[in-house]
């Protein structure tokens, strides 16, 4: 029985990295949750799936496992970006990092720079360094036209439905870039 408990904790922590990497769709977190739930039932408690009262516990345990993945993911995300940008550090970017972790991306705009955060990716651009502006009906794309690796962000994409869009547009007009 004690080795079963160790297997449960090992599987729970072992499944965190794939869930962080493939969080965009629910397939990987869902399968990891089911795998971990299976080891949980071997270690602690075997539910009776035909008993309706056990389903509350089953759903609660599965949601707890998913919440654990979400919290671990945010902590890794926070410590990854915490010291990556001095501008974000000065801004106190906890809420920005939380927004980027939940929704997938976030934009920070100031008088001197604009930053786009995506899951484990950061691209910061000073207003003076912008060399290309592509404007369409759906979004504005800002870039410095420096060739980078495909995994590294090389442009900032601001959709019109972002609440930062008017601020960015105002900054671009102020600098007579659009």
N, C-alpha and C. Protein backbone atom coordinates (compact mmCIF):
# COMPACT_ATOMS: atom_id res chain seq x y z
N UNK A 1 0.82 -1.20 0.00
CA UNK A 1 0.00 0.00 0.00
C UNK A 1 0.87 1.27 0.00
N UNK A 2 1.98 1.26 0.73
CA UNK A 2 2.80 2.47 0.79
C UNK A 2 3.48 2.75 -0.55
N UNK A 3 3.84 1.68 -1.32
CA UNK A 3 4.41 1.96 -2.63
C UNK A 3 3.37 2.54 -3.57
N UNK A 4 2.10 2.14 -3.41
CA UNK A 4 1.04 2.69 -4.24
C UNK A 4 0.89 4.20 -4.00
N UNK A 5 1.03 4.61 -2.76
CA UNK A 5 0.94 6.04 -2.45
C UNK A 5 2.10 6.78 -3.10
N UNK A 6 3.29 6.21 -3.07
CA UNK A 6 4.43 6.85 -3.72
C UNK A 6 4.24 6.92 -5.23
N UNK A 7 3.66 5.87 -5.81
CA UNK A 7 3.37 5.89 -7.24
C UNK A 7 2.39 7.00 -7.60
N UNK A 8 1.37 7.20 -6.76
CA UNK A 8 0.41 8.28 -7.01
C UNK A 8 1.13 9.63 -7.05
N UNK A 9 1.95 9.91 -6.03
CA UNK A 9 2.64 11.21 -5.99
C UNK A 9 3.64 11.33 -7.13
N UNK A 10 4.30 10.24 -7.48
CA UNK A 10 5.24 10.28 -8.59
C UNK A 10 4.52 10.60 -9.90
N UNK A 11 3.40 9.95 -10.14
CA UNK A 11 2.64 10.20 -11.37
C UNK A 11 2.09 11.62 -11.37
N UNK A 12 1.63 12.10 -10.23
CA UNK A 12 1.09 13.46 -10.16
C UNK A 12 2.17 14.48 -10.55
N UNK A 13 3.36 14.36 -10.00
CA UNK A 13 4.42 15.31 -10.32
C UNK A 13 5.03 15.05 -11.70
N UNK A 14 5.05 13.81 -12.14
CA UNK A 14 5.60 13.48 -13.44
C UNK A 14 4.74 14.03 -14.58
N UNK A 15 3.45 14.14 -14.36
CA UNK A 15 2.55 14.63 -15.42
C UNK A 15 2.46 16.14 -15.48
N UNK A 16 3.10 16.87 -14.57
CA UNK A 16 3.03 18.33 -14.61
C UNK A 16 3.71 18.90 -15.87
N UNK A 17 4.96 18.52 -16.23
CA UNK A 17 5.59 19.13 -17.41
C UNK A 17 4.83 18.95 -18.72
N UNK A 18 4.30 17.76 -19.04
CA UNK A 18 3.54 17.69 -20.29
C UNK A 18 2.27 18.55 -20.27
N UNK A 19 1.66 18.66 -19.10
CA UNK A 19 0.46 19.49 -19.01
C UNK A 19 0.83 20.95 -19.24
N UNK A 20 1.96 21.39 -18.72
CA UNK A 20 2.40 22.76 -18.94
C UNK A 20 2.72 23.01 -20.40
N UNK A 21 3.32 22.04 -21.05
CA UNK A 21 3.73 22.22 -22.44
C UNK A 21 2.55 22.19 -23.39
N UNK A 22 1.60 21.31 -23.16
CA UNK A 22 0.48 21.13 -24.09
C UNK A 22 -0.84 21.57 -23.47
N UNK A 23 -0.86 22.74 -22.87
CA UNK A 23 -2.04 23.21 -22.15
C UNK A 23 -3.08 23.83 -23.08
N UNK A 24 -2.75 24.07 -24.35
CA UNK A 24 -3.65 24.78 -25.25
C UNK A 24 -4.96 24.04 -25.51
N UNK A 25 -4.92 22.72 -25.53
CA UNK A 25 -6.17 21.99 -25.64
C UNK A 25 -6.31 21.09 -24.42
N UNK A 26 -7.48 20.54 -24.20
CA UNK A 26 -7.74 19.82 -22.96
C UNK A 26 -7.32 18.36 -23.01
N UNK A 27 -6.87 17.87 -24.16
CA UNK A 27 -6.55 16.45 -24.29
C UNK A 27 -5.44 16.01 -23.32
N UNK A 28 -4.32 16.71 -23.31
CA UNK A 28 -3.20 16.30 -22.45
C UNK A 28 -3.53 16.48 -20.96
N UNK A 29 -4.05 17.65 -20.53
CA UNK A 29 -4.43 17.74 -19.12
C UNK A 29 -5.50 16.72 -18.73
N UNK A 30 -6.44 16.46 -19.61
CA UNK A 30 -7.49 15.49 -19.31
C UNK A 30 -6.96 14.08 -19.16
N UNK A 31 -6.09 13.67 -20.08
CA UNK A 31 -5.50 12.33 -19.98
C UNK A 31 -4.59 12.21 -18.76
N UNK A 32 -3.82 13.26 -18.47
CA UNK A 32 -2.96 13.24 -17.28
C UNK A 32 -3.81 13.17 -16.02
N UNK A 33 -4.92 13.88 -16.01
CA UNK A 33 -5.81 13.85 -14.86
C UNK A 33 -6.39 12.45 -14.66
N UNK A 34 -6.80 11.80 -15.76
CA UNK A 34 -7.35 10.44 -15.65
C UNK A 34 -6.28 9.45 -15.19
N UNK A 35 -5.06 9.58 -15.71
CA UNK A 35 -3.97 8.71 -15.29
C UNK A 35 -3.68 8.89 -13.79
N UNK A 36 -3.61 10.13 -13.37
CA UNK A 36 -3.35 10.42 -11.95
C UNK A 36 -4.50 9.95 -11.09
N UNK A 37 -5.73 10.13 -11.55
CA UNK A 37 -6.89 9.66 -10.79
C UNK A 37 -6.85 8.14 -10.65
N UNK A 38 -6.40 7.46 -11.71
CA UNK A 38 -6.27 6.00 -11.62
C UNK A 38 -5.29 5.58 -10.54
N UNK A 39 -4.15 6.26 -10.47
CA UNK A 39 -3.19 5.94 -9.41
C UNK A 39 -3.71 6.35 -8.04
N UNK A 40 -4.53 7.41 -8.00
CA UNK A 40 -5.13 7.81 -6.73
C UNK A 40 -6.06 6.72 -6.22
N UNK A 41 -6.86 6.16 -7.13
CA UNK A 41 -7.79 5.11 -6.71
C UNK A 41 -7.06 3.85 -6.27
N UNK A 42 -5.90 3.58 -6.85
CA UNK A 42 -5.10 2.42 -6.41
C UNK A 42 -4.49 2.67 -5.03
N UNK A 43 -4.17 3.92 -4.75
CA UNK A 43 -3.45 4.25 -3.51
C UNK A 43 -4.37 4.46 -2.32
N UNK A 44 -5.43 5.22 -2.52
CA UNK A 44 -6.22 5.69 -1.40
C UNK A 44 -7.63 5.11 -1.31
N UNK A 45 -8.33 5.11 -2.43
CA UNK A 45 -9.75 4.85 -2.36
C UNK A 45 -10.26 4.36 -3.71
N UNK A 46 -11.01 3.28 -3.69
CA UNK A 46 -11.60 2.76 -4.92
C UNK A 46 -13.07 3.14 -4.94
N UNK A 47 -13.46 4.03 -5.85
CA UNK A 47 -14.86 4.46 -5.87
C UNK A 47 -15.77 3.39 -6.45
N UNK A 48 -17.01 3.48 -6.06
CA UNK A 48 -18.05 2.65 -6.65
C UNK A 48 -18.73 3.50 -7.71
N UNK A 49 -18.41 3.24 -8.97
CA UNK A 49 -18.91 4.08 -10.06
C UNK A 49 -20.42 3.96 -10.25
N UNK A 50 -21.02 2.91 -9.69
CA UNK A 50 -22.47 2.73 -9.82
C UNK A 50 -23.22 3.38 -8.67
N UNK A 51 -22.49 3.91 -7.71
CA UNK A 51 -23.11 4.59 -6.58
C UNK A 51 -23.09 6.09 -6.87
N UNK A 52 -24.25 6.70 -6.93
CA UNK A 52 -24.34 8.11 -7.29
C UNK A 52 -23.63 9.02 -6.29
N UNK A 53 -23.59 8.64 -5.04
CA UNK A 53 -22.95 9.51 -4.05
C UNK A 53 -21.43 9.57 -4.22
N UNK A 54 -20.81 8.57 -4.85
CA UNK A 54 -19.37 8.60 -5.08
C UNK A 54 -18.97 9.55 -6.21
N UNK A 55 -19.89 9.88 -7.09
CA UNK A 55 -19.57 10.74 -8.21
C UNK A 55 -19.19 12.14 -7.75
N UNK A 56 -19.74 12.61 -6.64
CA UNK A 56 -19.33 13.92 -6.11
C UNK A 56 -17.86 13.90 -5.74
N UNK A 57 -17.42 12.81 -5.11
CA UNK A 57 -16.01 12.68 -4.73
C UNK A 57 -15.12 12.51 -5.96
N UNK A 58 -15.58 11.74 -6.93
CA UNK A 58 -14.80 11.53 -8.16
C UNK A 58 -14.58 12.86 -8.87
N UNK A 59 -15.64 13.62 -9.06
CA UNK A 59 -15.54 14.91 -9.74
C UNK A 59 -14.68 15.87 -8.93
N UNK A 60 -14.85 15.88 -7.61
CA UNK A 60 -14.04 16.76 -6.76
C UNK A 60 -12.56 16.42 -6.83
N UNK A 61 -12.23 15.14 -6.83
CA UNK A 61 -10.82 14.73 -6.91
C UNK A 61 -10.24 15.10 -8.27
N UNK A 62 -10.98 14.86 -9.34
CA UNK A 62 -10.49 15.21 -10.67
C UNK A 62 -10.29 16.73 -10.81
N UNK A 63 -11.22 17.52 -10.30
CA UNK A 63 -11.06 18.97 -10.34
C UNK A 63 -9.88 19.42 -9.48
N UNK A 64 -9.65 18.75 -8.37
CA UNK A 64 -8.49 19.08 -7.52
C UNK A 64 -7.18 18.80 -8.24
N UNK A 65 -7.13 17.71 -8.98
CA UNK A 65 -5.92 17.40 -9.76
C UNK A 65 -5.70 18.47 -10.83
N UNK A 66 -6.76 18.87 -11.54
CA UNK A 66 -6.62 19.93 -12.55
C UNK A 66 -6.23 21.26 -11.92
N UNK A 67 -6.76 21.56 -10.75
CA UNK A 67 -6.37 22.79 -10.04
C UNK A 67 -4.90 22.74 -9.65
N UNK A 68 -4.43 21.58 -9.22
CA UNK A 68 -3.02 21.41 -8.89
C UNK A 68 -2.15 21.70 -10.11
N UNK A 69 -2.54 21.19 -11.30
CA UNK A 69 -1.80 21.46 -12.53
C UNK A 69 -1.79 22.97 -12.83
N UNK A 70 -2.93 23.61 -12.65
CA UNK A 70 -3.04 25.04 -12.94
C UNK A 70 -2.13 25.85 -12.01
N UNK A 71 -2.14 25.53 -10.72
CA UNK A 71 -1.32 26.27 -9.75
C UNK A 71 0.16 26.02 -10.01
N UNK A 72 0.55 24.78 -10.25
CA UNK A 72 1.95 24.48 -10.57
C UNK A 72 2.38 25.23 -11.84
N UNK A 73 1.52 25.24 -12.82
CA UNK A 73 1.82 25.93 -14.06
C UNK A 73 2.02 27.41 -13.86
N UNK A 74 1.15 28.02 -13.06
CA UNK A 74 1.31 29.45 -12.82
C UNK A 74 2.59 29.74 -12.04
N UNK A 75 2.92 28.93 -11.06
CA UNK A 75 4.15 29.15 -10.30
C UNK A 75 5.38 29.05 -11.19
N UNK A 76 5.40 28.04 -12.07
CA UNK A 76 6.53 27.91 -13.00
C UNK A 76 6.57 29.12 -13.94
N UNK A 77 5.41 29.52 -14.44
CA UNK A 77 5.30 30.67 -15.34
C UNK A 77 5.79 31.94 -14.62
N UNK A 78 5.38 32.12 -13.38
CA UNK A 78 5.76 33.32 -12.62
C UNK A 78 7.27 33.36 -12.39
N UNK A 79 7.85 32.26 -11.93
CA UNK A 79 9.28 32.25 -11.66
C UNK A 79 10.11 32.30 -12.94
N UNK A 80 9.56 31.85 -14.06
CA UNK A 80 10.25 31.91 -15.33
C UNK A 80 10.40 33.35 -15.79
N UNK A 81 9.32 34.14 -15.66
CA UNK A 81 9.31 35.51 -16.16
C UNK A 81 9.69 36.56 -15.12
N UNK A 82 9.76 36.19 -13.87
CA UNK A 82 9.94 37.15 -12.79
C UNK A 82 11.12 38.09 -13.02
N UNK A 83 12.24 37.57 -13.46
CA UNK A 83 13.43 38.39 -13.64
C UNK A 83 13.86 38.53 -15.10
N UNK A 84 12.98 38.19 -16.03
CA UNK A 84 13.33 38.27 -17.45
C UNK A 84 13.36 39.71 -17.96
N UNK A 85 12.52 40.57 -17.40
CA UNK A 85 12.42 41.94 -17.89
C UNK A 85 12.44 42.91 -16.72
N UNK A 86 13.35 43.84 -16.77
CA UNK A 86 13.43 44.85 -15.72
C UNK A 86 12.20 45.75 -15.74
N UNK A 87 11.67 46.02 -16.94
CA UNK A 87 10.47 46.86 -17.04
C UNK A 87 9.27 46.19 -16.38
N UNK A 88 9.09 44.89 -16.61
CA UNK A 88 7.98 44.19 -15.97
C UNK A 88 8.19 44.10 -14.47
N UNK A 89 9.42 43.92 -14.06
CA UNK A 89 9.73 43.84 -12.63
C UNK A 89 9.37 45.16 -11.94
N UNK A 90 9.70 46.28 -12.57
CA UNK A 90 9.37 47.58 -12.00
C UNK A 90 7.87 47.84 -12.00
N UNK A 91 7.18 47.27 -12.97
CA UNK A 91 5.74 47.47 -13.07
C UNK A 91 4.98 46.66 -12.03
N UNK A 92 5.58 45.59 -11.51
CA UNK A 92 4.87 44.70 -10.61
C UNK A 92 3.89 43.86 -11.41
N UNK A 93 4.40 42.95 -12.17
CA UNK A 93 3.63 42.28 -13.21
C UNK A 93 2.92 41.01 -12.76
N UNK A 94 2.62 40.87 -11.48
CA UNK A 94 1.95 39.65 -11.02
C UNK A 94 0.61 39.45 -11.74
N UNK A 95 -0.20 40.49 -11.78
CA UNK A 95 -1.51 40.36 -12.43
C UNK A 95 -1.38 40.15 -13.93
N UNK A 96 -0.37 40.77 -14.54
CA UNK A 96 -0.13 40.58 -15.97
C UNK A 96 0.28 39.14 -16.26
N UNK A 97 1.14 38.58 -15.41
CA UNK A 97 1.55 37.18 -15.59
C UNK A 97 0.38 36.24 -15.37
N UNK A 98 -0.47 36.54 -14.39
CA UNK A 98 -1.65 35.71 -14.16
C UNK A 98 -2.59 35.76 -15.36
N UNK A 99 -2.79 36.95 -15.92
CA UNK A 99 -3.64 37.09 -17.11
C UNK A 99 -3.04 36.32 -18.29
N UNK A 100 -1.72 36.40 -18.45
CA UNK A 100 -1.07 35.69 -19.55
C UNK A 100 -1.19 34.18 -19.37
N UNK A 101 -1.14 33.71 -18.13
CA UNK A 101 -1.25 32.27 -17.89
C UNK A 101 -2.67 31.79 -18.14
N UNK A 102 -3.67 32.57 -17.75
CA UNK A 102 -5.06 32.15 -17.91
C UNK A 102 -5.50 32.25 -19.37
N UNK A 103 -5.26 33.40 -19.99
CA UNK A 103 -5.81 33.61 -21.33
C UNK A 103 -4.85 33.24 -22.46
N UNK A 104 -3.58 33.06 -22.15
CA UNK A 104 -2.63 32.69 -23.20
C UNK A 104 -1.72 33.82 -23.62
N UNK A 105 -2.17 35.07 -23.48
CA UNK A 105 -1.28 36.20 -23.77
C UNK A 105 -1.76 37.44 -23.04
N UNK A 106 -0.84 38.39 -22.89
CA UNK A 106 -1.16 39.67 -22.26
C UNK A 106 -0.21 40.72 -22.83
N UNK A 107 -0.67 41.96 -22.83
CA UNK A 107 0.09 43.07 -23.37
C UNK A 107 0.30 44.09 -22.24
N UNK A 108 1.53 44.59 -22.12
CA UNK A 108 1.83 45.67 -21.18
C UNK A 108 2.30 46.87 -22.00
N UNK A 109 1.72 48.03 -21.76
CA UNK A 109 2.04 49.23 -22.52
C UNK A 109 2.48 50.31 -21.54
N UNK A 110 3.60 50.96 -21.85
CA UNK A 110 4.02 52.12 -21.06
C UNK A 110 4.47 53.22 -22.02
N UNK A 111 4.99 54.29 -21.48
CA UNK A 111 5.46 55.40 -22.31
C UNK A 111 6.70 55.03 -23.11
N UNK A 112 7.49 54.08 -22.59
CA UNK A 112 8.77 53.76 -23.22
C UNK A 112 8.78 52.46 -24.02
N UNK A 113 7.92 51.53 -23.69
CA UNK A 113 7.99 50.20 -24.30
C UNK A 113 6.62 49.55 -24.36
N UNK A 114 6.57 48.46 -25.12
CA UNK A 114 5.40 47.59 -25.19
C UNK A 114 5.90 46.16 -25.08
N UNK A 115 5.19 45.36 -24.30
CA UNK A 115 5.60 43.98 -24.06
C UNK A 115 4.43 43.05 -24.32
N UNK A 116 4.73 41.94 -24.99
CA UNK A 116 3.72 40.88 -25.15
C UNK A 116 4.22 39.64 -24.42
N UNK A 117 3.36 39.12 -23.58
CA UNK A 117 3.64 37.89 -22.85
C UNK A 117 2.74 36.80 -23.39
N UNK A 118 3.34 35.69 -23.72
CA UNK A 118 2.57 34.48 -24.01
C UNK A 118 3.09 33.41 -23.07
N UNK A 119 2.49 32.25 -23.09
CA UNK A 119 2.97 31.21 -22.18
C UNK A 119 4.44 30.90 -22.45
N UNK A 120 5.28 31.24 -21.52
CA UNK A 120 6.72 31.00 -21.56
C UNK A 120 7.42 31.73 -22.71
N UNK A 121 6.81 32.78 -23.22
CA UNK A 121 7.45 33.60 -24.25
C UNK A 121 7.22 35.06 -23.91
N UNK A 122 8.25 35.86 -24.14
CA UNK A 122 8.19 37.29 -23.85
C UNK A 122 8.85 38.04 -24.99
N UNK A 123 8.22 39.11 -25.45
CA UNK A 123 8.84 39.97 -26.45
C UNK A 123 8.60 41.41 -26.02
N UNK A 124 9.69 42.12 -25.83
CA UNK A 124 9.62 43.50 -25.38
C UNK A 124 10.22 44.39 -26.46
N UNK A 125 9.55 45.49 -26.72
CA UNK A 125 9.97 46.35 -27.81
C UNK A 125 9.84 47.81 -27.36
N UNK A 126 10.93 48.55 -27.52
CA UNK A 126 10.87 49.99 -27.24
C UNK A 126 10.17 50.66 -28.42
N UNK A 127 9.45 51.74 -28.14
CA UNK A 127 8.71 52.41 -29.21
C UNK A 127 9.65 52.90 -30.31
N UNK A 128 10.86 53.31 -29.94
CA UNK A 128 11.81 53.82 -30.93
C UNK A 128 12.34 52.72 -31.85
N UNK A 129 12.28 51.48 -31.40
CA UNK A 129 12.83 50.37 -32.18
C UNK A 129 11.86 49.77 -33.18
N UNK A 130 10.63 50.25 -33.20
CA UNK A 130 9.63 49.70 -34.13
C UNK A 130 9.98 50.13 -35.55
N UNK A 131 10.15 49.13 -36.42
CA UNK A 131 10.48 49.45 -37.81
C UNK A 131 9.37 49.02 -38.77
N UNK A 132 8.47 48.15 -38.32
CA UNK A 132 7.39 47.69 -39.20
C UNK A 132 6.08 47.68 -38.44
N UNK A 133 5.06 48.27 -39.04
CA UNK A 133 3.72 48.28 -38.46
C UNK A 133 2.77 47.77 -39.53
N UNK A 134 2.14 46.65 -39.29
CA UNK A 134 1.12 46.10 -40.19
C UNK A 134 -0.23 46.28 -39.52
N UNK A 135 -1.09 47.01 -40.18
CA UNK A 135 -2.40 47.28 -39.61
C UNK A 135 -3.46 46.66 -40.51
N UNK A 136 -4.36 45.89 -39.90
CA UNK A 136 -5.46 45.30 -40.64
C UNK A 136 -6.75 45.57 -39.89
N UNK A 137 -7.84 45.01 -40.38
CA UNK A 137 -9.12 45.20 -39.71
C UNK A 137 -9.17 44.48 -38.36
N UNK A 138 -8.38 43.42 -38.22
CA UNK A 138 -8.43 42.60 -37.01
C UNK A 138 -7.39 42.97 -35.97
N UNK A 139 -6.20 43.42 -36.40
CA UNK A 139 -5.15 43.65 -35.43
C UNK A 139 -4.08 44.60 -35.96
N UNK A 140 -3.15 44.93 -35.06
CA UNK A 140 -1.95 45.69 -35.40
C UNK A 140 -0.77 44.80 -35.05
N UNK A 141 0.21 44.72 -35.94
CA UNK A 141 1.42 43.93 -35.70
C UNK A 141 2.60 44.89 -35.67
N UNK A 142 3.35 44.85 -34.58
CA UNK A 142 4.53 45.69 -34.42
C UNK A 142 5.76 44.80 -34.40
N UNK A 143 6.82 45.24 -35.11
CA UNK A 143 8.04 44.44 -35.16
C UNK A 143 9.24 45.34 -35.35
N UNK A 144 10.41 44.82 -34.98
CA UNK A 144 11.66 45.53 -35.24
C UNK A 144 12.41 44.92 -36.42
N UNK A 145 11.82 43.93 -37.08
CA UNK A 145 12.37 43.26 -38.27
C UNK A 145 13.74 42.63 -38.05
N UNK A 146 14.01 42.14 -36.88
CA UNK A 146 15.22 41.40 -36.59
C UNK A 146 14.88 39.92 -36.70
N UNK A 147 15.67 39.18 -37.48
CA UNK A 147 15.42 37.75 -37.65
C UNK A 147 15.77 37.01 -36.37
N UNK A 148 14.84 36.19 -35.89
CA UNK A 148 15.04 35.41 -34.69
C UNK A 148 14.67 33.96 -34.96
N UNK A 149 14.99 33.10 -34.00
CA UNK A 149 14.59 31.70 -34.08
C UNK A 149 13.06 31.61 -34.11
N UNK A 150 12.48 30.58 -34.73
CA UNK A 150 11.02 30.47 -34.80
C UNK A 150 10.35 30.38 -33.43
N UNK A 151 11.06 29.83 -32.43
CA UNK A 151 10.45 29.68 -31.11
C UNK A 151 10.39 31.00 -30.36
N UNK A 152 11.17 31.97 -30.78
CA UNK A 152 11.24 33.26 -30.08
C UNK A 152 10.28 34.23 -30.76
N UNK A 153 9.53 34.95 -29.96
CA UNK A 153 8.62 35.93 -30.52
C UNK A 153 9.41 37.04 -31.19
N UNK A 154 8.96 37.48 -32.36
CA UNK A 154 9.65 38.56 -33.06
C UNK A 154 8.69 39.67 -33.46
N UNK A 155 7.45 39.57 -32.99
CA UNK A 155 6.48 40.62 -33.26
C UNK A 155 5.44 40.65 -32.15
N UNK A 156 4.81 41.79 -32.03
CA UNK A 156 3.74 41.96 -31.05
C UNK A 156 2.45 42.12 -31.83
N UNK A 157 1.50 41.27 -31.53
CA UNK A 157 0.21 41.28 -32.23
C UNK A 157 -0.87 41.71 -31.25
N UNK A 158 -1.50 42.86 -31.54
CA UNK A 158 -2.55 43.40 -30.68
C UNK A 158 -3.87 43.35 -31.43
N UNK A 159 -4.77 42.55 -30.94
CA UNK A 159 -6.09 42.42 -31.58
C UNK A 159 -6.97 43.61 -31.17
N UNK A 160 -7.89 43.94 -32.02
CA UNK A 160 -8.76 45.10 -31.77
C UNK A 160 -9.64 44.92 -30.54
N UNK A 161 -9.92 43.68 -30.16
CA UNK A 161 -10.79 43.47 -28.99
C UNK A 161 -10.03 43.47 -27.67
N UNK A 162 -8.69 43.62 -27.70
CA UNK A 162 -7.92 43.75 -26.46
C UNK A 162 -8.21 45.12 -25.86
N UNK A 163 -8.26 45.19 -24.55
CA UNK A 163 -8.52 46.51 -23.95
C UNK A 163 -7.30 47.42 -24.01
N UNK A 164 -6.12 46.88 -24.38
CA UNK A 164 -4.92 47.70 -24.55
C UNK A 164 -4.85 48.34 -25.94
N UNK A 165 -5.72 47.92 -26.85
CA UNK A 165 -5.65 48.39 -28.24
C UNK A 165 -5.74 49.92 -28.34
N UNK A 166 -6.70 50.58 -27.68
CA UNK A 166 -6.76 52.05 -27.79
C UNK A 166 -5.50 52.74 -27.25
N UNK A 167 -4.90 52.18 -26.22
CA UNK A 167 -3.68 52.76 -25.65
C UNK A 167 -2.54 52.64 -26.64
N UNK A 168 -2.40 51.50 -27.28
CA UNK A 168 -1.34 51.30 -28.27
C UNK A 168 -1.57 52.22 -29.46
N UNK A 169 -2.80 52.30 -29.91
CA UNK A 169 -3.11 53.17 -31.05
C UNK A 169 -2.81 54.63 -30.71
N UNK A 170 -3.12 55.04 -29.50
CA UNK A 170 -2.83 56.41 -29.05
C UNK A 170 -1.32 56.66 -29.01
N UNK A 171 -0.54 55.69 -28.51
CA UNK A 171 0.91 55.84 -28.48
C UNK A 171 1.49 55.92 -29.90
N UNK A 172 0.96 55.13 -30.81
CA UNK A 172 1.45 55.16 -32.19
C UNK A 172 1.11 56.50 -32.86
N UNK A 173 -0.07 57.02 -32.60
CA UNK A 173 -0.47 58.33 -33.16
C UNK A 173 0.37 59.44 -32.54
N UNK A 174 0.63 59.34 -31.26
CA UNK A 174 1.43 60.35 -30.56
C UNK A 174 2.83 60.43 -31.17
N UNK A 175 3.37 59.29 -31.56
CA UNK A 175 4.70 59.23 -32.16
C UNK A 175 4.67 59.35 -33.68
N UNK A 176 3.46 59.60 -34.22
CA UNK A 176 3.23 59.76 -35.66
C UNK A 176 3.72 58.57 -36.46
N UNK A 177 3.41 57.38 -35.97
CA UNK A 177 3.80 56.14 -36.66
C UNK A 177 2.66 55.61 -37.51
N UNK A 178 1.43 56.01 -37.22
CA UNK A 178 0.30 55.61 -38.06
C UNK A 178 -0.51 56.85 -38.41
